[in-house]
Structures are given as structure tokens and as C-alpha cells.
C-alpha atoms as a PDB file:
ATOM      1  CA  UNK A   1      55.746-105.083  -0.643  1.00  0.00           C
ATOM      2  CA  UNK A   2      55.447-106.509   2.137  1.00  0.00           C
ATOM      3  CA  UNK A   3      54.124-109.929   3.378  1.00  0.00           C
ATOM      4  CA  UNK A   4      53.067-111.998   6.661  1.00  0.00           C
ATOM      5  CA  UNK A   5      53.143-115.796   7.024  1.00  0.00           C
ATOM      6  CA  UNK A   6      51.389-117.412   9.518  1.00  0.00           C
ATOM      7  CA  UNK A   7      53.300-120.480  11.130  1.00  0.00           C
ATOM      8  CA  UNK A   8      52.795-120.563  14.589  1.00  0.00           C
ATOM      9  CA  UNK A   9      50.447-123.599  14.826  1.00  0.00           C
ATOM     10  CA  UNK A  10      50.311-126.627  16.646  1.00  0.00           C
ATOM     11  CA  UNK A  11      48.738-128.736  13.318  1.00  0.00           C
ATOM     12  CA  UNK A  12      46.239-130.467  15.511  1.00  0.00           C
ATOM     13  CA  UNK A  13      43.940-131.595  12.772  1.00  0.00           C
ATOM     14  CA  UNK A  14      47.395-133.275  10.858  1.00  0.00           C
ATOM     15  CA  UNK A  15      47.423-135.671  13.766  1.00  0.00           C
ATOM     16  CA  UNK A  16      50.739-137.956  13.533  1.00  0.00           C
ATOM     17  CA  UNK A  17      52.367-135.953  11.091  1.00  0.00           C
ATOM     18  CA  UNK A  18      52.891-132.722  13.398  1.00  0.00           C
ATOM     19  CA  UNK A  19      54.011-134.988  16.363  1.00  0.00           C
ATOM     20  CA  UNK A  20      57.937-133.853  15.527  1.00  0.00           C
ATOM     21  CA  UNK A  21      57.319-131.029  12.470  1.00  0.00           C
ATOM     22  CA  UNK A  22      55.847-127.620  12.196  1.00  0.00           C
ATOM     23  CA  UNK A  23      53.281-128.057   9.756  1.00  0.00           C
ATOM     24  CA  UNK A  24      54.045-125.600   7.273  1.00  0.00           C
ATOM     25  CA  UNK A  25      57.106-128.175   6.576  1.00  0.00           C
ATOM     26  CA  UNK A  26      55.045-130.955   6.052  1.00  0.00           C
ATOM     27  CA  UNK A  27      56.125-131.706   2.443  1.00  0.00           C
ATOM     28  CA  UNK A  28      54.093-131.870  -0.938  1.00  0.00           C
ATOM     29  CA  UNK A  29      55.913-134.206  -3.656  1.00  0.00           C
ATOM     30  CA  UNK A  30      58.937-133.551  -1.206  1.00  0.00           C
ATOM     31  CA  UNK A  31      58.973-129.900  -1.094  1.00  0.00           C
ATOM     32  CA  UNK A  32      57.973-127.788   2.077  1.00  0.00           C
ATOM     33  CA  UNK A  33      54.485-126.251   2.230  1.00  0.00           C
ATOM     34  CA  UNK A  34      55.961-123.180   3.342  1.00  0.00           C
ATOM     35  CA  UNK A  35      57.733-122.636   0.007  1.00  0.00           C
ATOM     36  CA  UNK A  36      54.459-122.653  -2.262  1.00  0.00           C
ATOM     37  CA  UNK A  37      53.451-119.480  -0.936  1.00  0.00           C
ATOM     38  CA  UNK A  38      56.872-118.136  -0.371  1.00  0.00           C
ATOM     39  CA  UNK A  39      56.946-118.739  -4.910  1.00  0.00           C
ATOM     40  CA  UNK A  40      53.722-116.785  -5.123  1.00  0.00           C
ATOM     41  CA  UNK A  41      55.264-114.301  -2.632  1.00  0.00           C
ATOM     42  CA  UNK A  42      57.880-113.857  -5.034  1.00  0.00           C
ATOM     43  CA  UNK A  43      55.924-113.754  -8.111  1.00  0.00           C
ATOM     44  CA  UNK A  44      53.590-111.271  -6.572  1.00  0.00           C
ATOM     45  CA  UNK A  45      56.588-108.788  -5.955  1.00  0.00           C
ATOM     46  CA  UNK A  46      57.556-109.452  -1.738  1.00  0.00           C
ATOM     47  CA  UNK A  47      60.810-108.356  -0.762  1.00  0.00           C
ATOM     48  CA  UNK A  48      60.076-108.028   2.703  1.00  0.00           C
ATOM     49  CA  UNK A  49      58.388-110.758   5.081  1.00  0.00           C
ATOM     50  CA  UNK A  50      57.817-112.102   8.615  1.00  0.00           C
ATOM     51  CA  UNK A  51      57.020-115.433   9.410  1.00  0.00           C
ATOM     52  CA  UNK A  52      55.697-116.442  13.148  1.00  0.00           C
ATOM     53  CA  UNK A  53      57.046-119.211  14.929  1.00  0.00           C
ATOM     54  CA  UNK A  54      55.904-120.963  17.974  1.00  0.00           C
ATOM     55  CA  UNK A  55      55.404-124.757  17.646  1.00  0.00           C
ATOM     56  CA  UNK A  56      58.722-126.357  17.038  1.00  0.00           C
ATOM     57  CA  UNK A  57      59.840-122.613  15.255  1.00  0.00           C
ATOM     58  CA  UNK A  58      63.505-123.316  15.342  1.00  0.00           C
ATOM     59  CA  UNK A  59      63.114-126.055  12.724  1.00  0.00           C
ATOM     60  CA  UNK A  60      61.305-123.212  10.357  1.00  0.00           C
ATOM     61  CA  UNK A  61      64.140-120.997  11.234  1.00  0.00           C
ATOM     62  CA  UNK A  62      66.296-123.803  10.314  1.00  0.00           C
ATOM     63  CA  UNK A  63      64.857-124.762   6.865  1.00  0.00           C
ATOM     64  CA  UNK A  64      64.733-120.873   5.719  1.00  0.00           C
ATOM     65  CA  UNK A  65      67.778-120.066   6.892  1.00  0.00           C
ATOM     66  CA  UNK A  66      69.239-120.256   3.528  1.00  0.00           C
ATOM     67  CA  UNK A  67      66.212-118.638   1.481  1.00  0.00           C
ATOM     68  CA  UNK A  68      67.557-115.549  -0.526  1.00  0.00           C
ATOM     69  CA  UNK A  69      64.622-114.538  -2.578  1.00  0.00           C
ATOM     70  CA  UNK A  70      63.844-111.807  -0.134  1.00  0.00           C
ATOM     71  CA  UNK A  71      64.126-110.952   3.455  1.00  0.00           C
ATOM     72  CA  UNK A  72      62.904-112.985   5.749  1.00  0.00           C
ATOM     73  CA  UNK A  73      62.188-111.879   9.538  1.00  0.00           C
ATOM     74  CA  UNK A  74      61.117-114.427  12.016  1.00  0.00           C
ATOM     75  CA  UNK A  75      58.359-113.492  15.119  1.00  0.00           C
ATOM     76  CA  UNK A  76      59.324-116.127  17.709  1.00  0.00           C
ATOM     77  CA  UNK A  77      56.087-116.250  20.113  1.00  0.00           C
ATOM     78  CA  UNK A  78      57.263-117.051  23.180  1.00  0.00           C
ATOM     79  CA  UNK A  79      55.852-118.172  26.051  1.00  0.00           C
ATOM     80  CA  UNK A  80      52.153-118.587  24.941  1.00  0.00           C
ATOM     81  CA  UNK A  81      50.980-118.456  20.983  1.00  0.00           C
ATOM     82  CA  UNK A  82      49.377-115.162  20.242  1.00  0.00           C
ATOM     83  CA  UNK A  83      47.107-116.335  17.166  1.00  0.00           C
ATOM     84  CA  UNK A  84      46.820-114.907  14.092  1.00  0.00           C
ATOM     85  CA  UNK A  85      45.972-111.391  14.990  1.00  0.00           C
ATOM     86  CA  UNK A  86      48.190-110.907  18.085  1.00  0.00           C
ATOM     87  CA  UNK A  87      50.788-112.831  15.757  1.00  0.00           C
ATOM     88  CA  UNK A  88      50.555-110.037  13.049  1.00  0.00           C
ATOM     89  CA  UNK A  89      50.213-107.317  15.739  1.00  0.00           C
ATOM     90  CA  UNK A  90      53.418-108.410  17.531  1.00  0.00           C
ATOM     91  CA  UNK A  91      55.553-109.025  14.149  1.00  0.00           C
ATOM     92  CA  UNK A  92      54.743-105.338  13.234  1.00  0.00           C
ATOM     93  CA  UNK A  93      55.729-104.008  15.876  1.00  0.00           C
ATOM     94  CA  UNK A  94      59.395-105.806  15.611  1.00  0.00           C
ATOM     95  CA  UNK A  95      59.975-105.331  11.983  1.00  0.00           C
ATOM     96  CA  UNK A  96      57.585-102.933  10.528  1.00  0.00           C
ATOM     97  CA  UNK A  97      55.654-100.034  11.259  1.00  0.00           C
ATOM     98  CA  UNK A  98      51.510 -99.167  11.400  1.00  0.00           C
ATOM     99  CA  UNK A  99      52.006 -97.464   8.030  1.00  0.00           C
ATOM    100  CA  UNK A 100      52.675-100.503   6.320  1.00  0.00           C
ATOM    101  CA  UNK A 101      50.310-102.695   4.152  1.00  0.00           C
ATOM    102  CA  UNK A 102      50.779-106.008   3.425  1.00  0.00           C
ATOM    103  CA  UNK A 103      49.638-109.412   1.823  1.00  0.00           C
ATOM    104  CA  UNK A 104      48.868-112.699   4.138  1.00  0.00           C
ATOM    105  CA  UNK A 105      49.376-115.924   3.062  1.00  0.00           C
ATOM    106  CA  UNK A 106      48.281-118.801   5.017  1.00  0.00           C
ATOM    107  CA  UNK A 107      50.661-121.969   4.103  1.00  0.00           C
ATOM    108  CA  UNK A 108      47.934-124.401   4.483  1.00  0.00           C
ATOM    109  CA  UNK A 109      46.216-123.510   1.110  1.00  0.00           C
ATOM    110  CA  UNK A 110      48.116-124.130  -2.127  1.00  0.00           C
ATOM    111  CA  UNK A 111      46.808-122.101  -4.413  1.00  0.00           C
ATOM    112  CA  UNK A 112      46.467-122.258  -8.807  1.00  0.00           C
ATOM    113  CA  UNK A 113      46.010-118.913  -9.726  1.00  0.00           C
ATOM    114  CA  UNK A 114      45.316-117.868 -13.267  1.00  0.00           C
ATOM    115  CA  UNK A 115      48.052-115.962 -15.668  1.00  0.00           C
ATOM    116  CA  UNK A 116      48.242-112.495 -14.809  1.00  0.00           C
ATOM    117  CA  UNK A 117      46.799-112.421 -11.125  1.00  0.00           C
ATOM    118  CA  UNK A 118      47.707-110.279  -8.664  1.00  0.00           C
ATOM    119  CA  UNK A 119      46.497-110.075  -5.020  1.00  0.00           C
ATOM    120  CA  UNK A 120      47.511-106.194  -4.698  1.00  0.00           C
ATOM    121  CA  UNK A 121      44.739-103.812  -4.942  1.00  0.00           C
ATOM    122  CA  UNK A 122      44.791-100.711  -7.501  1.00  0.00           C
ATOM    123  CA  UNK A 123      44.699 -97.099  -5.793  1.00  0.00           C
ATOM    124  CA  UNK A 124      40.875 -96.791  -5.859  1.00  0.00           C
ATOM    125  CA  UNK A 125      40.487-100.114  -3.966  1.00  0.00           C
ATOM    126  CA  UNK A 126      42.904 -99.000  -1.335  1.00  0.00           C
ATOM    127  CA  UNK A 127      40.576 -95.714  -0.619  1.00  0.00           C
ATOM    128  CA  UNK A 128      37.720 -97.868  -0.433  1.00  0.00           C
ATOM    129  CA  UNK A 129      38.955-100.597   1.580  1.00  0.00           C
ATOM    130  CA  UNK A 130      41.207-101.246   4.682  1.00  0.00           C
ATOM    131  CA  UNK A 131      41.432-104.881   4.011  1.00  0.00           C
ATOM    132  CA  UNK A 132      40.759-107.133   0.970  1.00  0.00           C
ATOM    133  CA  UNK A 133      39.779-110.804   1.390  1.00  0.00           C
ATOM    134  CA  UNK A 134      40.036-113.695  -1.685  1.00  0.00           C
ATOM    135  CA  UNK A 135      37.185-116.082  -1.227  1.00  0.00           C
ATOM    136  CA  UNK A 136      36.138-119.101  -3.177  1.00  0.00           C
ATOM    137  CA  UNK A 137      32.907-120.705  -3.300  1.00  0.00           C
ATOM    138  CA  UNK A 138      32.177-123.069  -0.440  1.00  0.00           C
ATOM    139  CA  UNK A 139      32.507-126.786  -1.644  1.00  0.00           C
ATOM    140  CA  UNK A 140      30.101-129.685  -0.953  1.00  0.00           C
ATOM    141  CA  UNK A 141      29.965-131.316   2.578  1.00  0.00           C
ATOM    142  CA  UNK A 142      32.703-128.912   4.456  1.00  0.00           C
ATOM    143  CA  UNK A 143      32.685-126.758   7.510  1.00  0.00           C
ATOM    144  CA  UNK A 144      34.165-123.141   6.068  1.00  0.00           C
ATOM    145  CA  UNK A 145      32.361-120.479   8.004  1.00  0.00           C
ATOM    146  CA  UNK A 146      29.829-119.023   5.624  1.00  0.00           C
ATOM    147  CA  UNK A 147      30.785-115.875   4.244  1.00  0.00           C
ATOM    148  CA  UNK A 148      28.419-113.081   1.866  1.00  0.00           C
ATOM    149  CA  UNK A 149      29.690-110.703  -0.650  1.00  0.00           C
ATOM    150  CA  UNK A 150      27.995-108.394  -2.545  1.00  0.00           C
ATOM    151  CA  UNK A 151      28.695-105.009  -3.955  1.00  0.00           C
ATOM    152  CA  UNK A 152      32.219-106.149  -3.359  1.00  0.00           C
ATOM    153  CA  UNK A 153      31.538-105.691   0.275  1.00  0.00           C
ATOM    154  CA  UNK A 154      31.818-108.991   2.746  1.00  0.00           C
ATOM    155  CA  UNK A 155      29.177-109.309   5.640  1.00  0.00           C
ATOM    156  CA  UNK A 156      29.378-112.431   8.518  1.00  0.00           C
ATOM    157  CA  UNK A 157      26.606-114.032   7.363  1.00  0.00           C
ATOM    158  CA  UNK A 158      25.203-116.932   5.784  1.00  0.00           C
ATOM    159  CA  UNK A 159      26.681-117.167   2.299  1.00  0.00           C
ATOM    160  CA  UNK A 160      28.047-118.934  -0.082  1.00  0.00           C
ATOM    161  CA  UNK A 161      31.625-118.118  -0.067  1.00  0.00           C
ATOM    162  CA  UNK A 162      34.472-118.823   2.233  1.00  0.00           C
ATOM    163  CA  UNK A 163      37.560-116.925   2.895  1.00  0.00           C
ATOM    164  CA  UNK A 164      40.749-118.819   0.926  1.00  0.00           C
ATOM    165  CA  UNK A 165      43.783-117.857   3.271  1.00  0.00           C
ATOM    166  CA  UNK A 166      45.144-114.842   1.222  1.00  0.00           C
ATOM    167  CA  UNK A 167      44.300-111.270   2.026  1.00  0.00           C
ATOM    168  CA  UNK A 168      45.434-107.920   1.745  1.00  0.00           C
ATOM    169  CA  UNK A 169      45.177-105.846   4.556  1.00  0.00           C
ATOM    170  CA  UNK A 170      46.525-101.986   6.148  1.00  0.00           C
ATOM    171  CA  UNK A 171      48.404-102.331   9.571  1.00  0.00           C
ATOM    172  CA  UNK A 172      46.682 -99.941  11.307  1.00  0.00           C
ATOM    173  CA  UNK A 173      43.896-102.028  10.887  1.00  0.00           C
ATOM    174  CA  UNK A 174      45.534-103.568  14.090  1.00  0.00           C
ATOM    175  CA  UNK A 175      46.635-100.563  15.629  1.00  0.00           C
ATOM    176  CA  UNK A 176      43.809-100.979  18.772  1.00  0.00           C
ATOM    177  CA  UNK A 177      45.696-104.232  19.455  1.00  0.00           C
ATOM    178  CA  UNK A 178      48.183-104.547  21.906  1.00  0.00           C
ATOM    179  CA  UNK A 179      51.755-106.488  21.071  1.00  0.00           C
ATOM    180  CA  UNK A 180      52.795-109.458  22.590  1.00  0.00           C
ATOM    181  CA  UNK A 181      48.761-110.230  23.587  1.00  0.00           C
ATOM    182  CA  UNK A 182      46.964-113.166  21.988  1.00  0.00           C
ATOM    183  CA  UNK A 183      44.106-112.161  19.409  1.00  0.00           C
ATOM    184  CA  UNK A 184      41.770-113.479  16.606  1.00  0.00           C
ATOM    185  CA  UNK A 185      42.260-111.904  13.346  1.00  0.00           C
ATOM    186  CA  UNK A 186      38.786-112.812  12.544  1.00  0.00           C
ATOM    187  CA  UNK A 187      37.362-110.565  14.950  1.00  0.00           C
ATOM    188  CA  UNK A 188      39.457-107.603  13.022  1.00  0.00           C
ATOM    189  CA  UNK A 189      37.413-108.967  10.053  1.00  0.00           C
ATOM    190  CA  UNK A 190      34.570-109.008  11.498  1.00  0.00           C
ATOM    191  CA  UNK A 191      35.132-105.277  12.635  1.00  0.00           C
ATOM    192  CA  UNK A 192      35.985-104.065   9.512  1.00  0.00           C
ATOM    193  CA  UNK A 193      32.982-105.401   7.805  1.00  0.00           C
ATOM    194  CA  UNK A 194      30.633-103.518  10.374  1.00  0.00           C
ATOM    195  CA  UNK A 195      32.313-100.431   9.369  1.00  0.00           C
ATOM    196  CA  UNK A 196      32.136-101.079   5.527  1.00  0.00           C
ATOM    197  CA  UNK A 197      35.746-101.295   5.189  1.00  0.00           C
ATOM    198  CA  UNK A 198      36.351-105.360   4.439  1.00  0.00           C
ATOM    199  CA  UNK A 199      36.035-106.009   0.922  1.00  0.00           C
ATOM    200  CA  UNK A 200      36.262-109.183  -0.858  1.00  0.00           C
ATOM    201  CA  UNK A 201      37.214-110.485  -4.396  1.00  0.00           C
ATOM    202  CA  UNK A 202      36.768-114.118  -5.970  1.00  0.00           C
ATOM    203  CA  UNK A 203      40.169-115.754  -6.369  1.00  0.00           C
ATOM    204  CA  UNK A 204      40.359-116.384  -9.688  1.00  0.00           C
ATOM    205  CA  UNK A 205      41.933-119.780  -9.909  1.00  0.00           C
ATOM    206  CA  UNK A 206      41.703-123.103  -8.255  1.00  0.00           C
ATOM    207  CA  UNK A 207      43.021-124.499  -4.832  1.00  0.00           C
ATOM    208  CA  UNK A 208      43.661-127.098  -2.631  1.00  0.00           C
ATOM    209  CA  UNK A 209      43.472-126.754   1.485  1.00  0.00           C
ATOM    210  CA  UNK A 210      45.714-128.690   2.776  1.00  0.00           C
ATOM    211  CA  UNK A 211      45.168-128.325   6.655  1.00  0.00           C
ATOM    212  CA  UNK A 212      43.189-131.358   7.350  1.00  0.00           C
ATOM    213  CA  UNK A 213      45.289-134.886   7.788  1.00  0.00           C
ATOM    214  CA  UNK A 214      43.013-136.698   4.882  1.00  0.00           C
ATOM    215  CA  UNK A 215      43.791-134.384   2.753  1.00  0.00           C
ATOM    216  CA  UNK A 216      47.405-134.094   2.892  1.00  0.00           C
ATOM    217  CA  UNK A 217      47.742-137.409   2.981  1.00  0.00           C
ATOM    218  CA  UNK A 218      45.760-137.616  -0.480  1.00  0.00           C
ATOM    219  CA  UNK A 219      48.233-135.191  -1.935  1.00  0.00           C
ATOM    220  CA  UNK A 220      51.324-135.464  -0.250  1.00  0.00           C
ATOM    221  CA  UNK A 221      53.313-137.478  -2.755  1.00  0.00           C
ATOM    222  CA  UNK A 222      51.419-134.728  -6.193  1.00  0.00           C
ATOM    223  CA  UNK A 223      53.639-132.837  -8.525  1.00  0.00           C
ATOM    224  CA  UNK A 224      52.013-129.714  -9.102  1.00  0.00           C
ATOM    225  CA  UNK A 225      54.079-128.143 -11.325  1.00  0.00           C
ATOM    226  CA  UNK A 226      51.997-128.279 -14.132  1.00  0.00           C
ATOM    227  CA  UNK A 227      49.278-126.326 -12.240  1.00  0.00           C
ATOM    228  CA  UNK A 228      52.242-123.549 -11.043  1.00  0.00           C
ATOM    229  CA  UNK A 229      53.796-120.784 -13.581  1.00  0.00           C
ATOM    230  CA  UNK A 230      56.714-121.780 -15.672  1.00  0.00           C
ATOM    231  CA  UNK A 231      58.810-119.791 -13.270  1.00  0.00           C
ATOM    232  CA  UNK A 232      58.102-122.612 -10.412  1.00  0.00           C
ATOM    233  CA  UNK A 233      60.834-125.185 -11.919  1.00  0.00           C
ATOM    234  CA  UNK A 234      63.365-122.488 -11.590  1.00  0.00           C
ATOM    235  CA  UNK A 235      62.629-121.470  -7.718  1.00  0.00           C
ATOM    236  CA  UNK A 236      62.217-125.544  -7.134  1.00  0.00           C
ATOM    237  CA  UNK A 237      65.871-125.632  -8.100  1.00  0.00           C
ATOM    238  CA  UNK A 238      66.817-122.874  -6.373  1.00  0.00           C
ATOM    239  CA  UNK A 239      65.877-123.559  -2.956  1.00  0.00           C
ATOM    240  CA  UNK A 240      66.759-127.326  -3.870  1.00  0.00           C
ATOM    241  CA  UNK A 241      70.319-126.397  -4.285  1.00  0.00           C
END
């Protein structure tokens, strides 16, 4: 099982916090953000993953060089950053193939799923959809792009839901994109929606979006161990040793 972690961004919304450190390495309770996503991926059966890197990318590689829970590939984007769509397509070209399917986990989000949750679709869902996004209700006074959800189909229209940074997708959806060129993954989502191939599910649990400076500063010293599964403590010991 495979997963992709978008880690190439400049983190400009984080202000001074990302002047010398890439956003996936900003720490929450002394643990870099990326490890929370890696933890969930491990618990969901992932054994092969790609991280795309660009801004201060060598620091990401240095941090994760000793990670042993599953295989990590680093897809370096140079000289230009490729966006999420271009980054995924280029990573597939380097390490996987277009017959694969995989999860995408955005490290900006710390997820607290209900016990037993697993994002992999069942066989019927895999026949019906080429991609499934996990959604949450838009909080008050936020500026997320609104999506609608009806009969398990996502539409890009005024709605009360937003994309939570977690999805399952078939690599063949990106086959019309050229490797090593920039693309926005949202454009692929829009195309799939128009073709009735973009599914949606409400994420069963809670979350924190720490991709904004004020939210990161609010929670950076918080211990979330009691909101994660029991395996978190053992995982934390391994990555700290």
C-alpha cells in the first residue's frame, strides 16, 4: 500500500517559523509535523511512500534518513516547484507506475480519527470512483473552498464541506499530466467531479489544520497523545531513539 506526502511548499503563511525550516519539520510538542502523518500511514497499512521536496528539502531528508517503519522515496523538485499535481505525477514517474493507487496525506493536518477508521475504499467504491476525498464541515469564520456532497459525489459548488488533506486516488487519473511540469491537483479533482468519478466521505473524527501561523503557535506545545491511538506512544519512542 502506498502514500504520498506533499512536502515541497515554501510555508510562506508561517512567517518567520519557516525562514530556516520547512513546514513539515515544524514541531508540535517537540515532534515534527510530518511524523503525525507518517504515524497514520503506518497504522493504515502503508509500506511504500513518496515525499516531494523543494524548499529546504535536504533538511527533510536528513530528518527522515533513519525512519524505518516503511520505505520512503524522496522526489526532489528542481529547479522549480511543481505544485501538488505535478509533484505527484513526477514522483509516480520516478518510483511507481500508473497502475498504482495510493493515499495522499497533507502534513498540515493532524488527524484524530475514530477507532477503527481506515481510508482505503472497498472494492465497490474502487469500481465507482477514481478518487475519494475526506471532508469536514467548514468551521465558522474560515475561508476554505466550499464543496458540496450529495449521493457520495463531490461538486465544486457552494457547499458546507472542505477537503481535509486526506484522499485516496488512482494514479491513472494523472496520466494526462507530463512529469516534471507544474500542475494543480485541484484541477484534476474538478475534472473527476465533472465526470462523476470524484467521491467524498465525511471524515469520522476531529482534526487540526496547522498550516496557518496563528494555529501553529496556539498548539505547538500541546501533547496530543491522549487523542491518538495507543500505538502512538510506541511510535514516538521509535522516532525519538
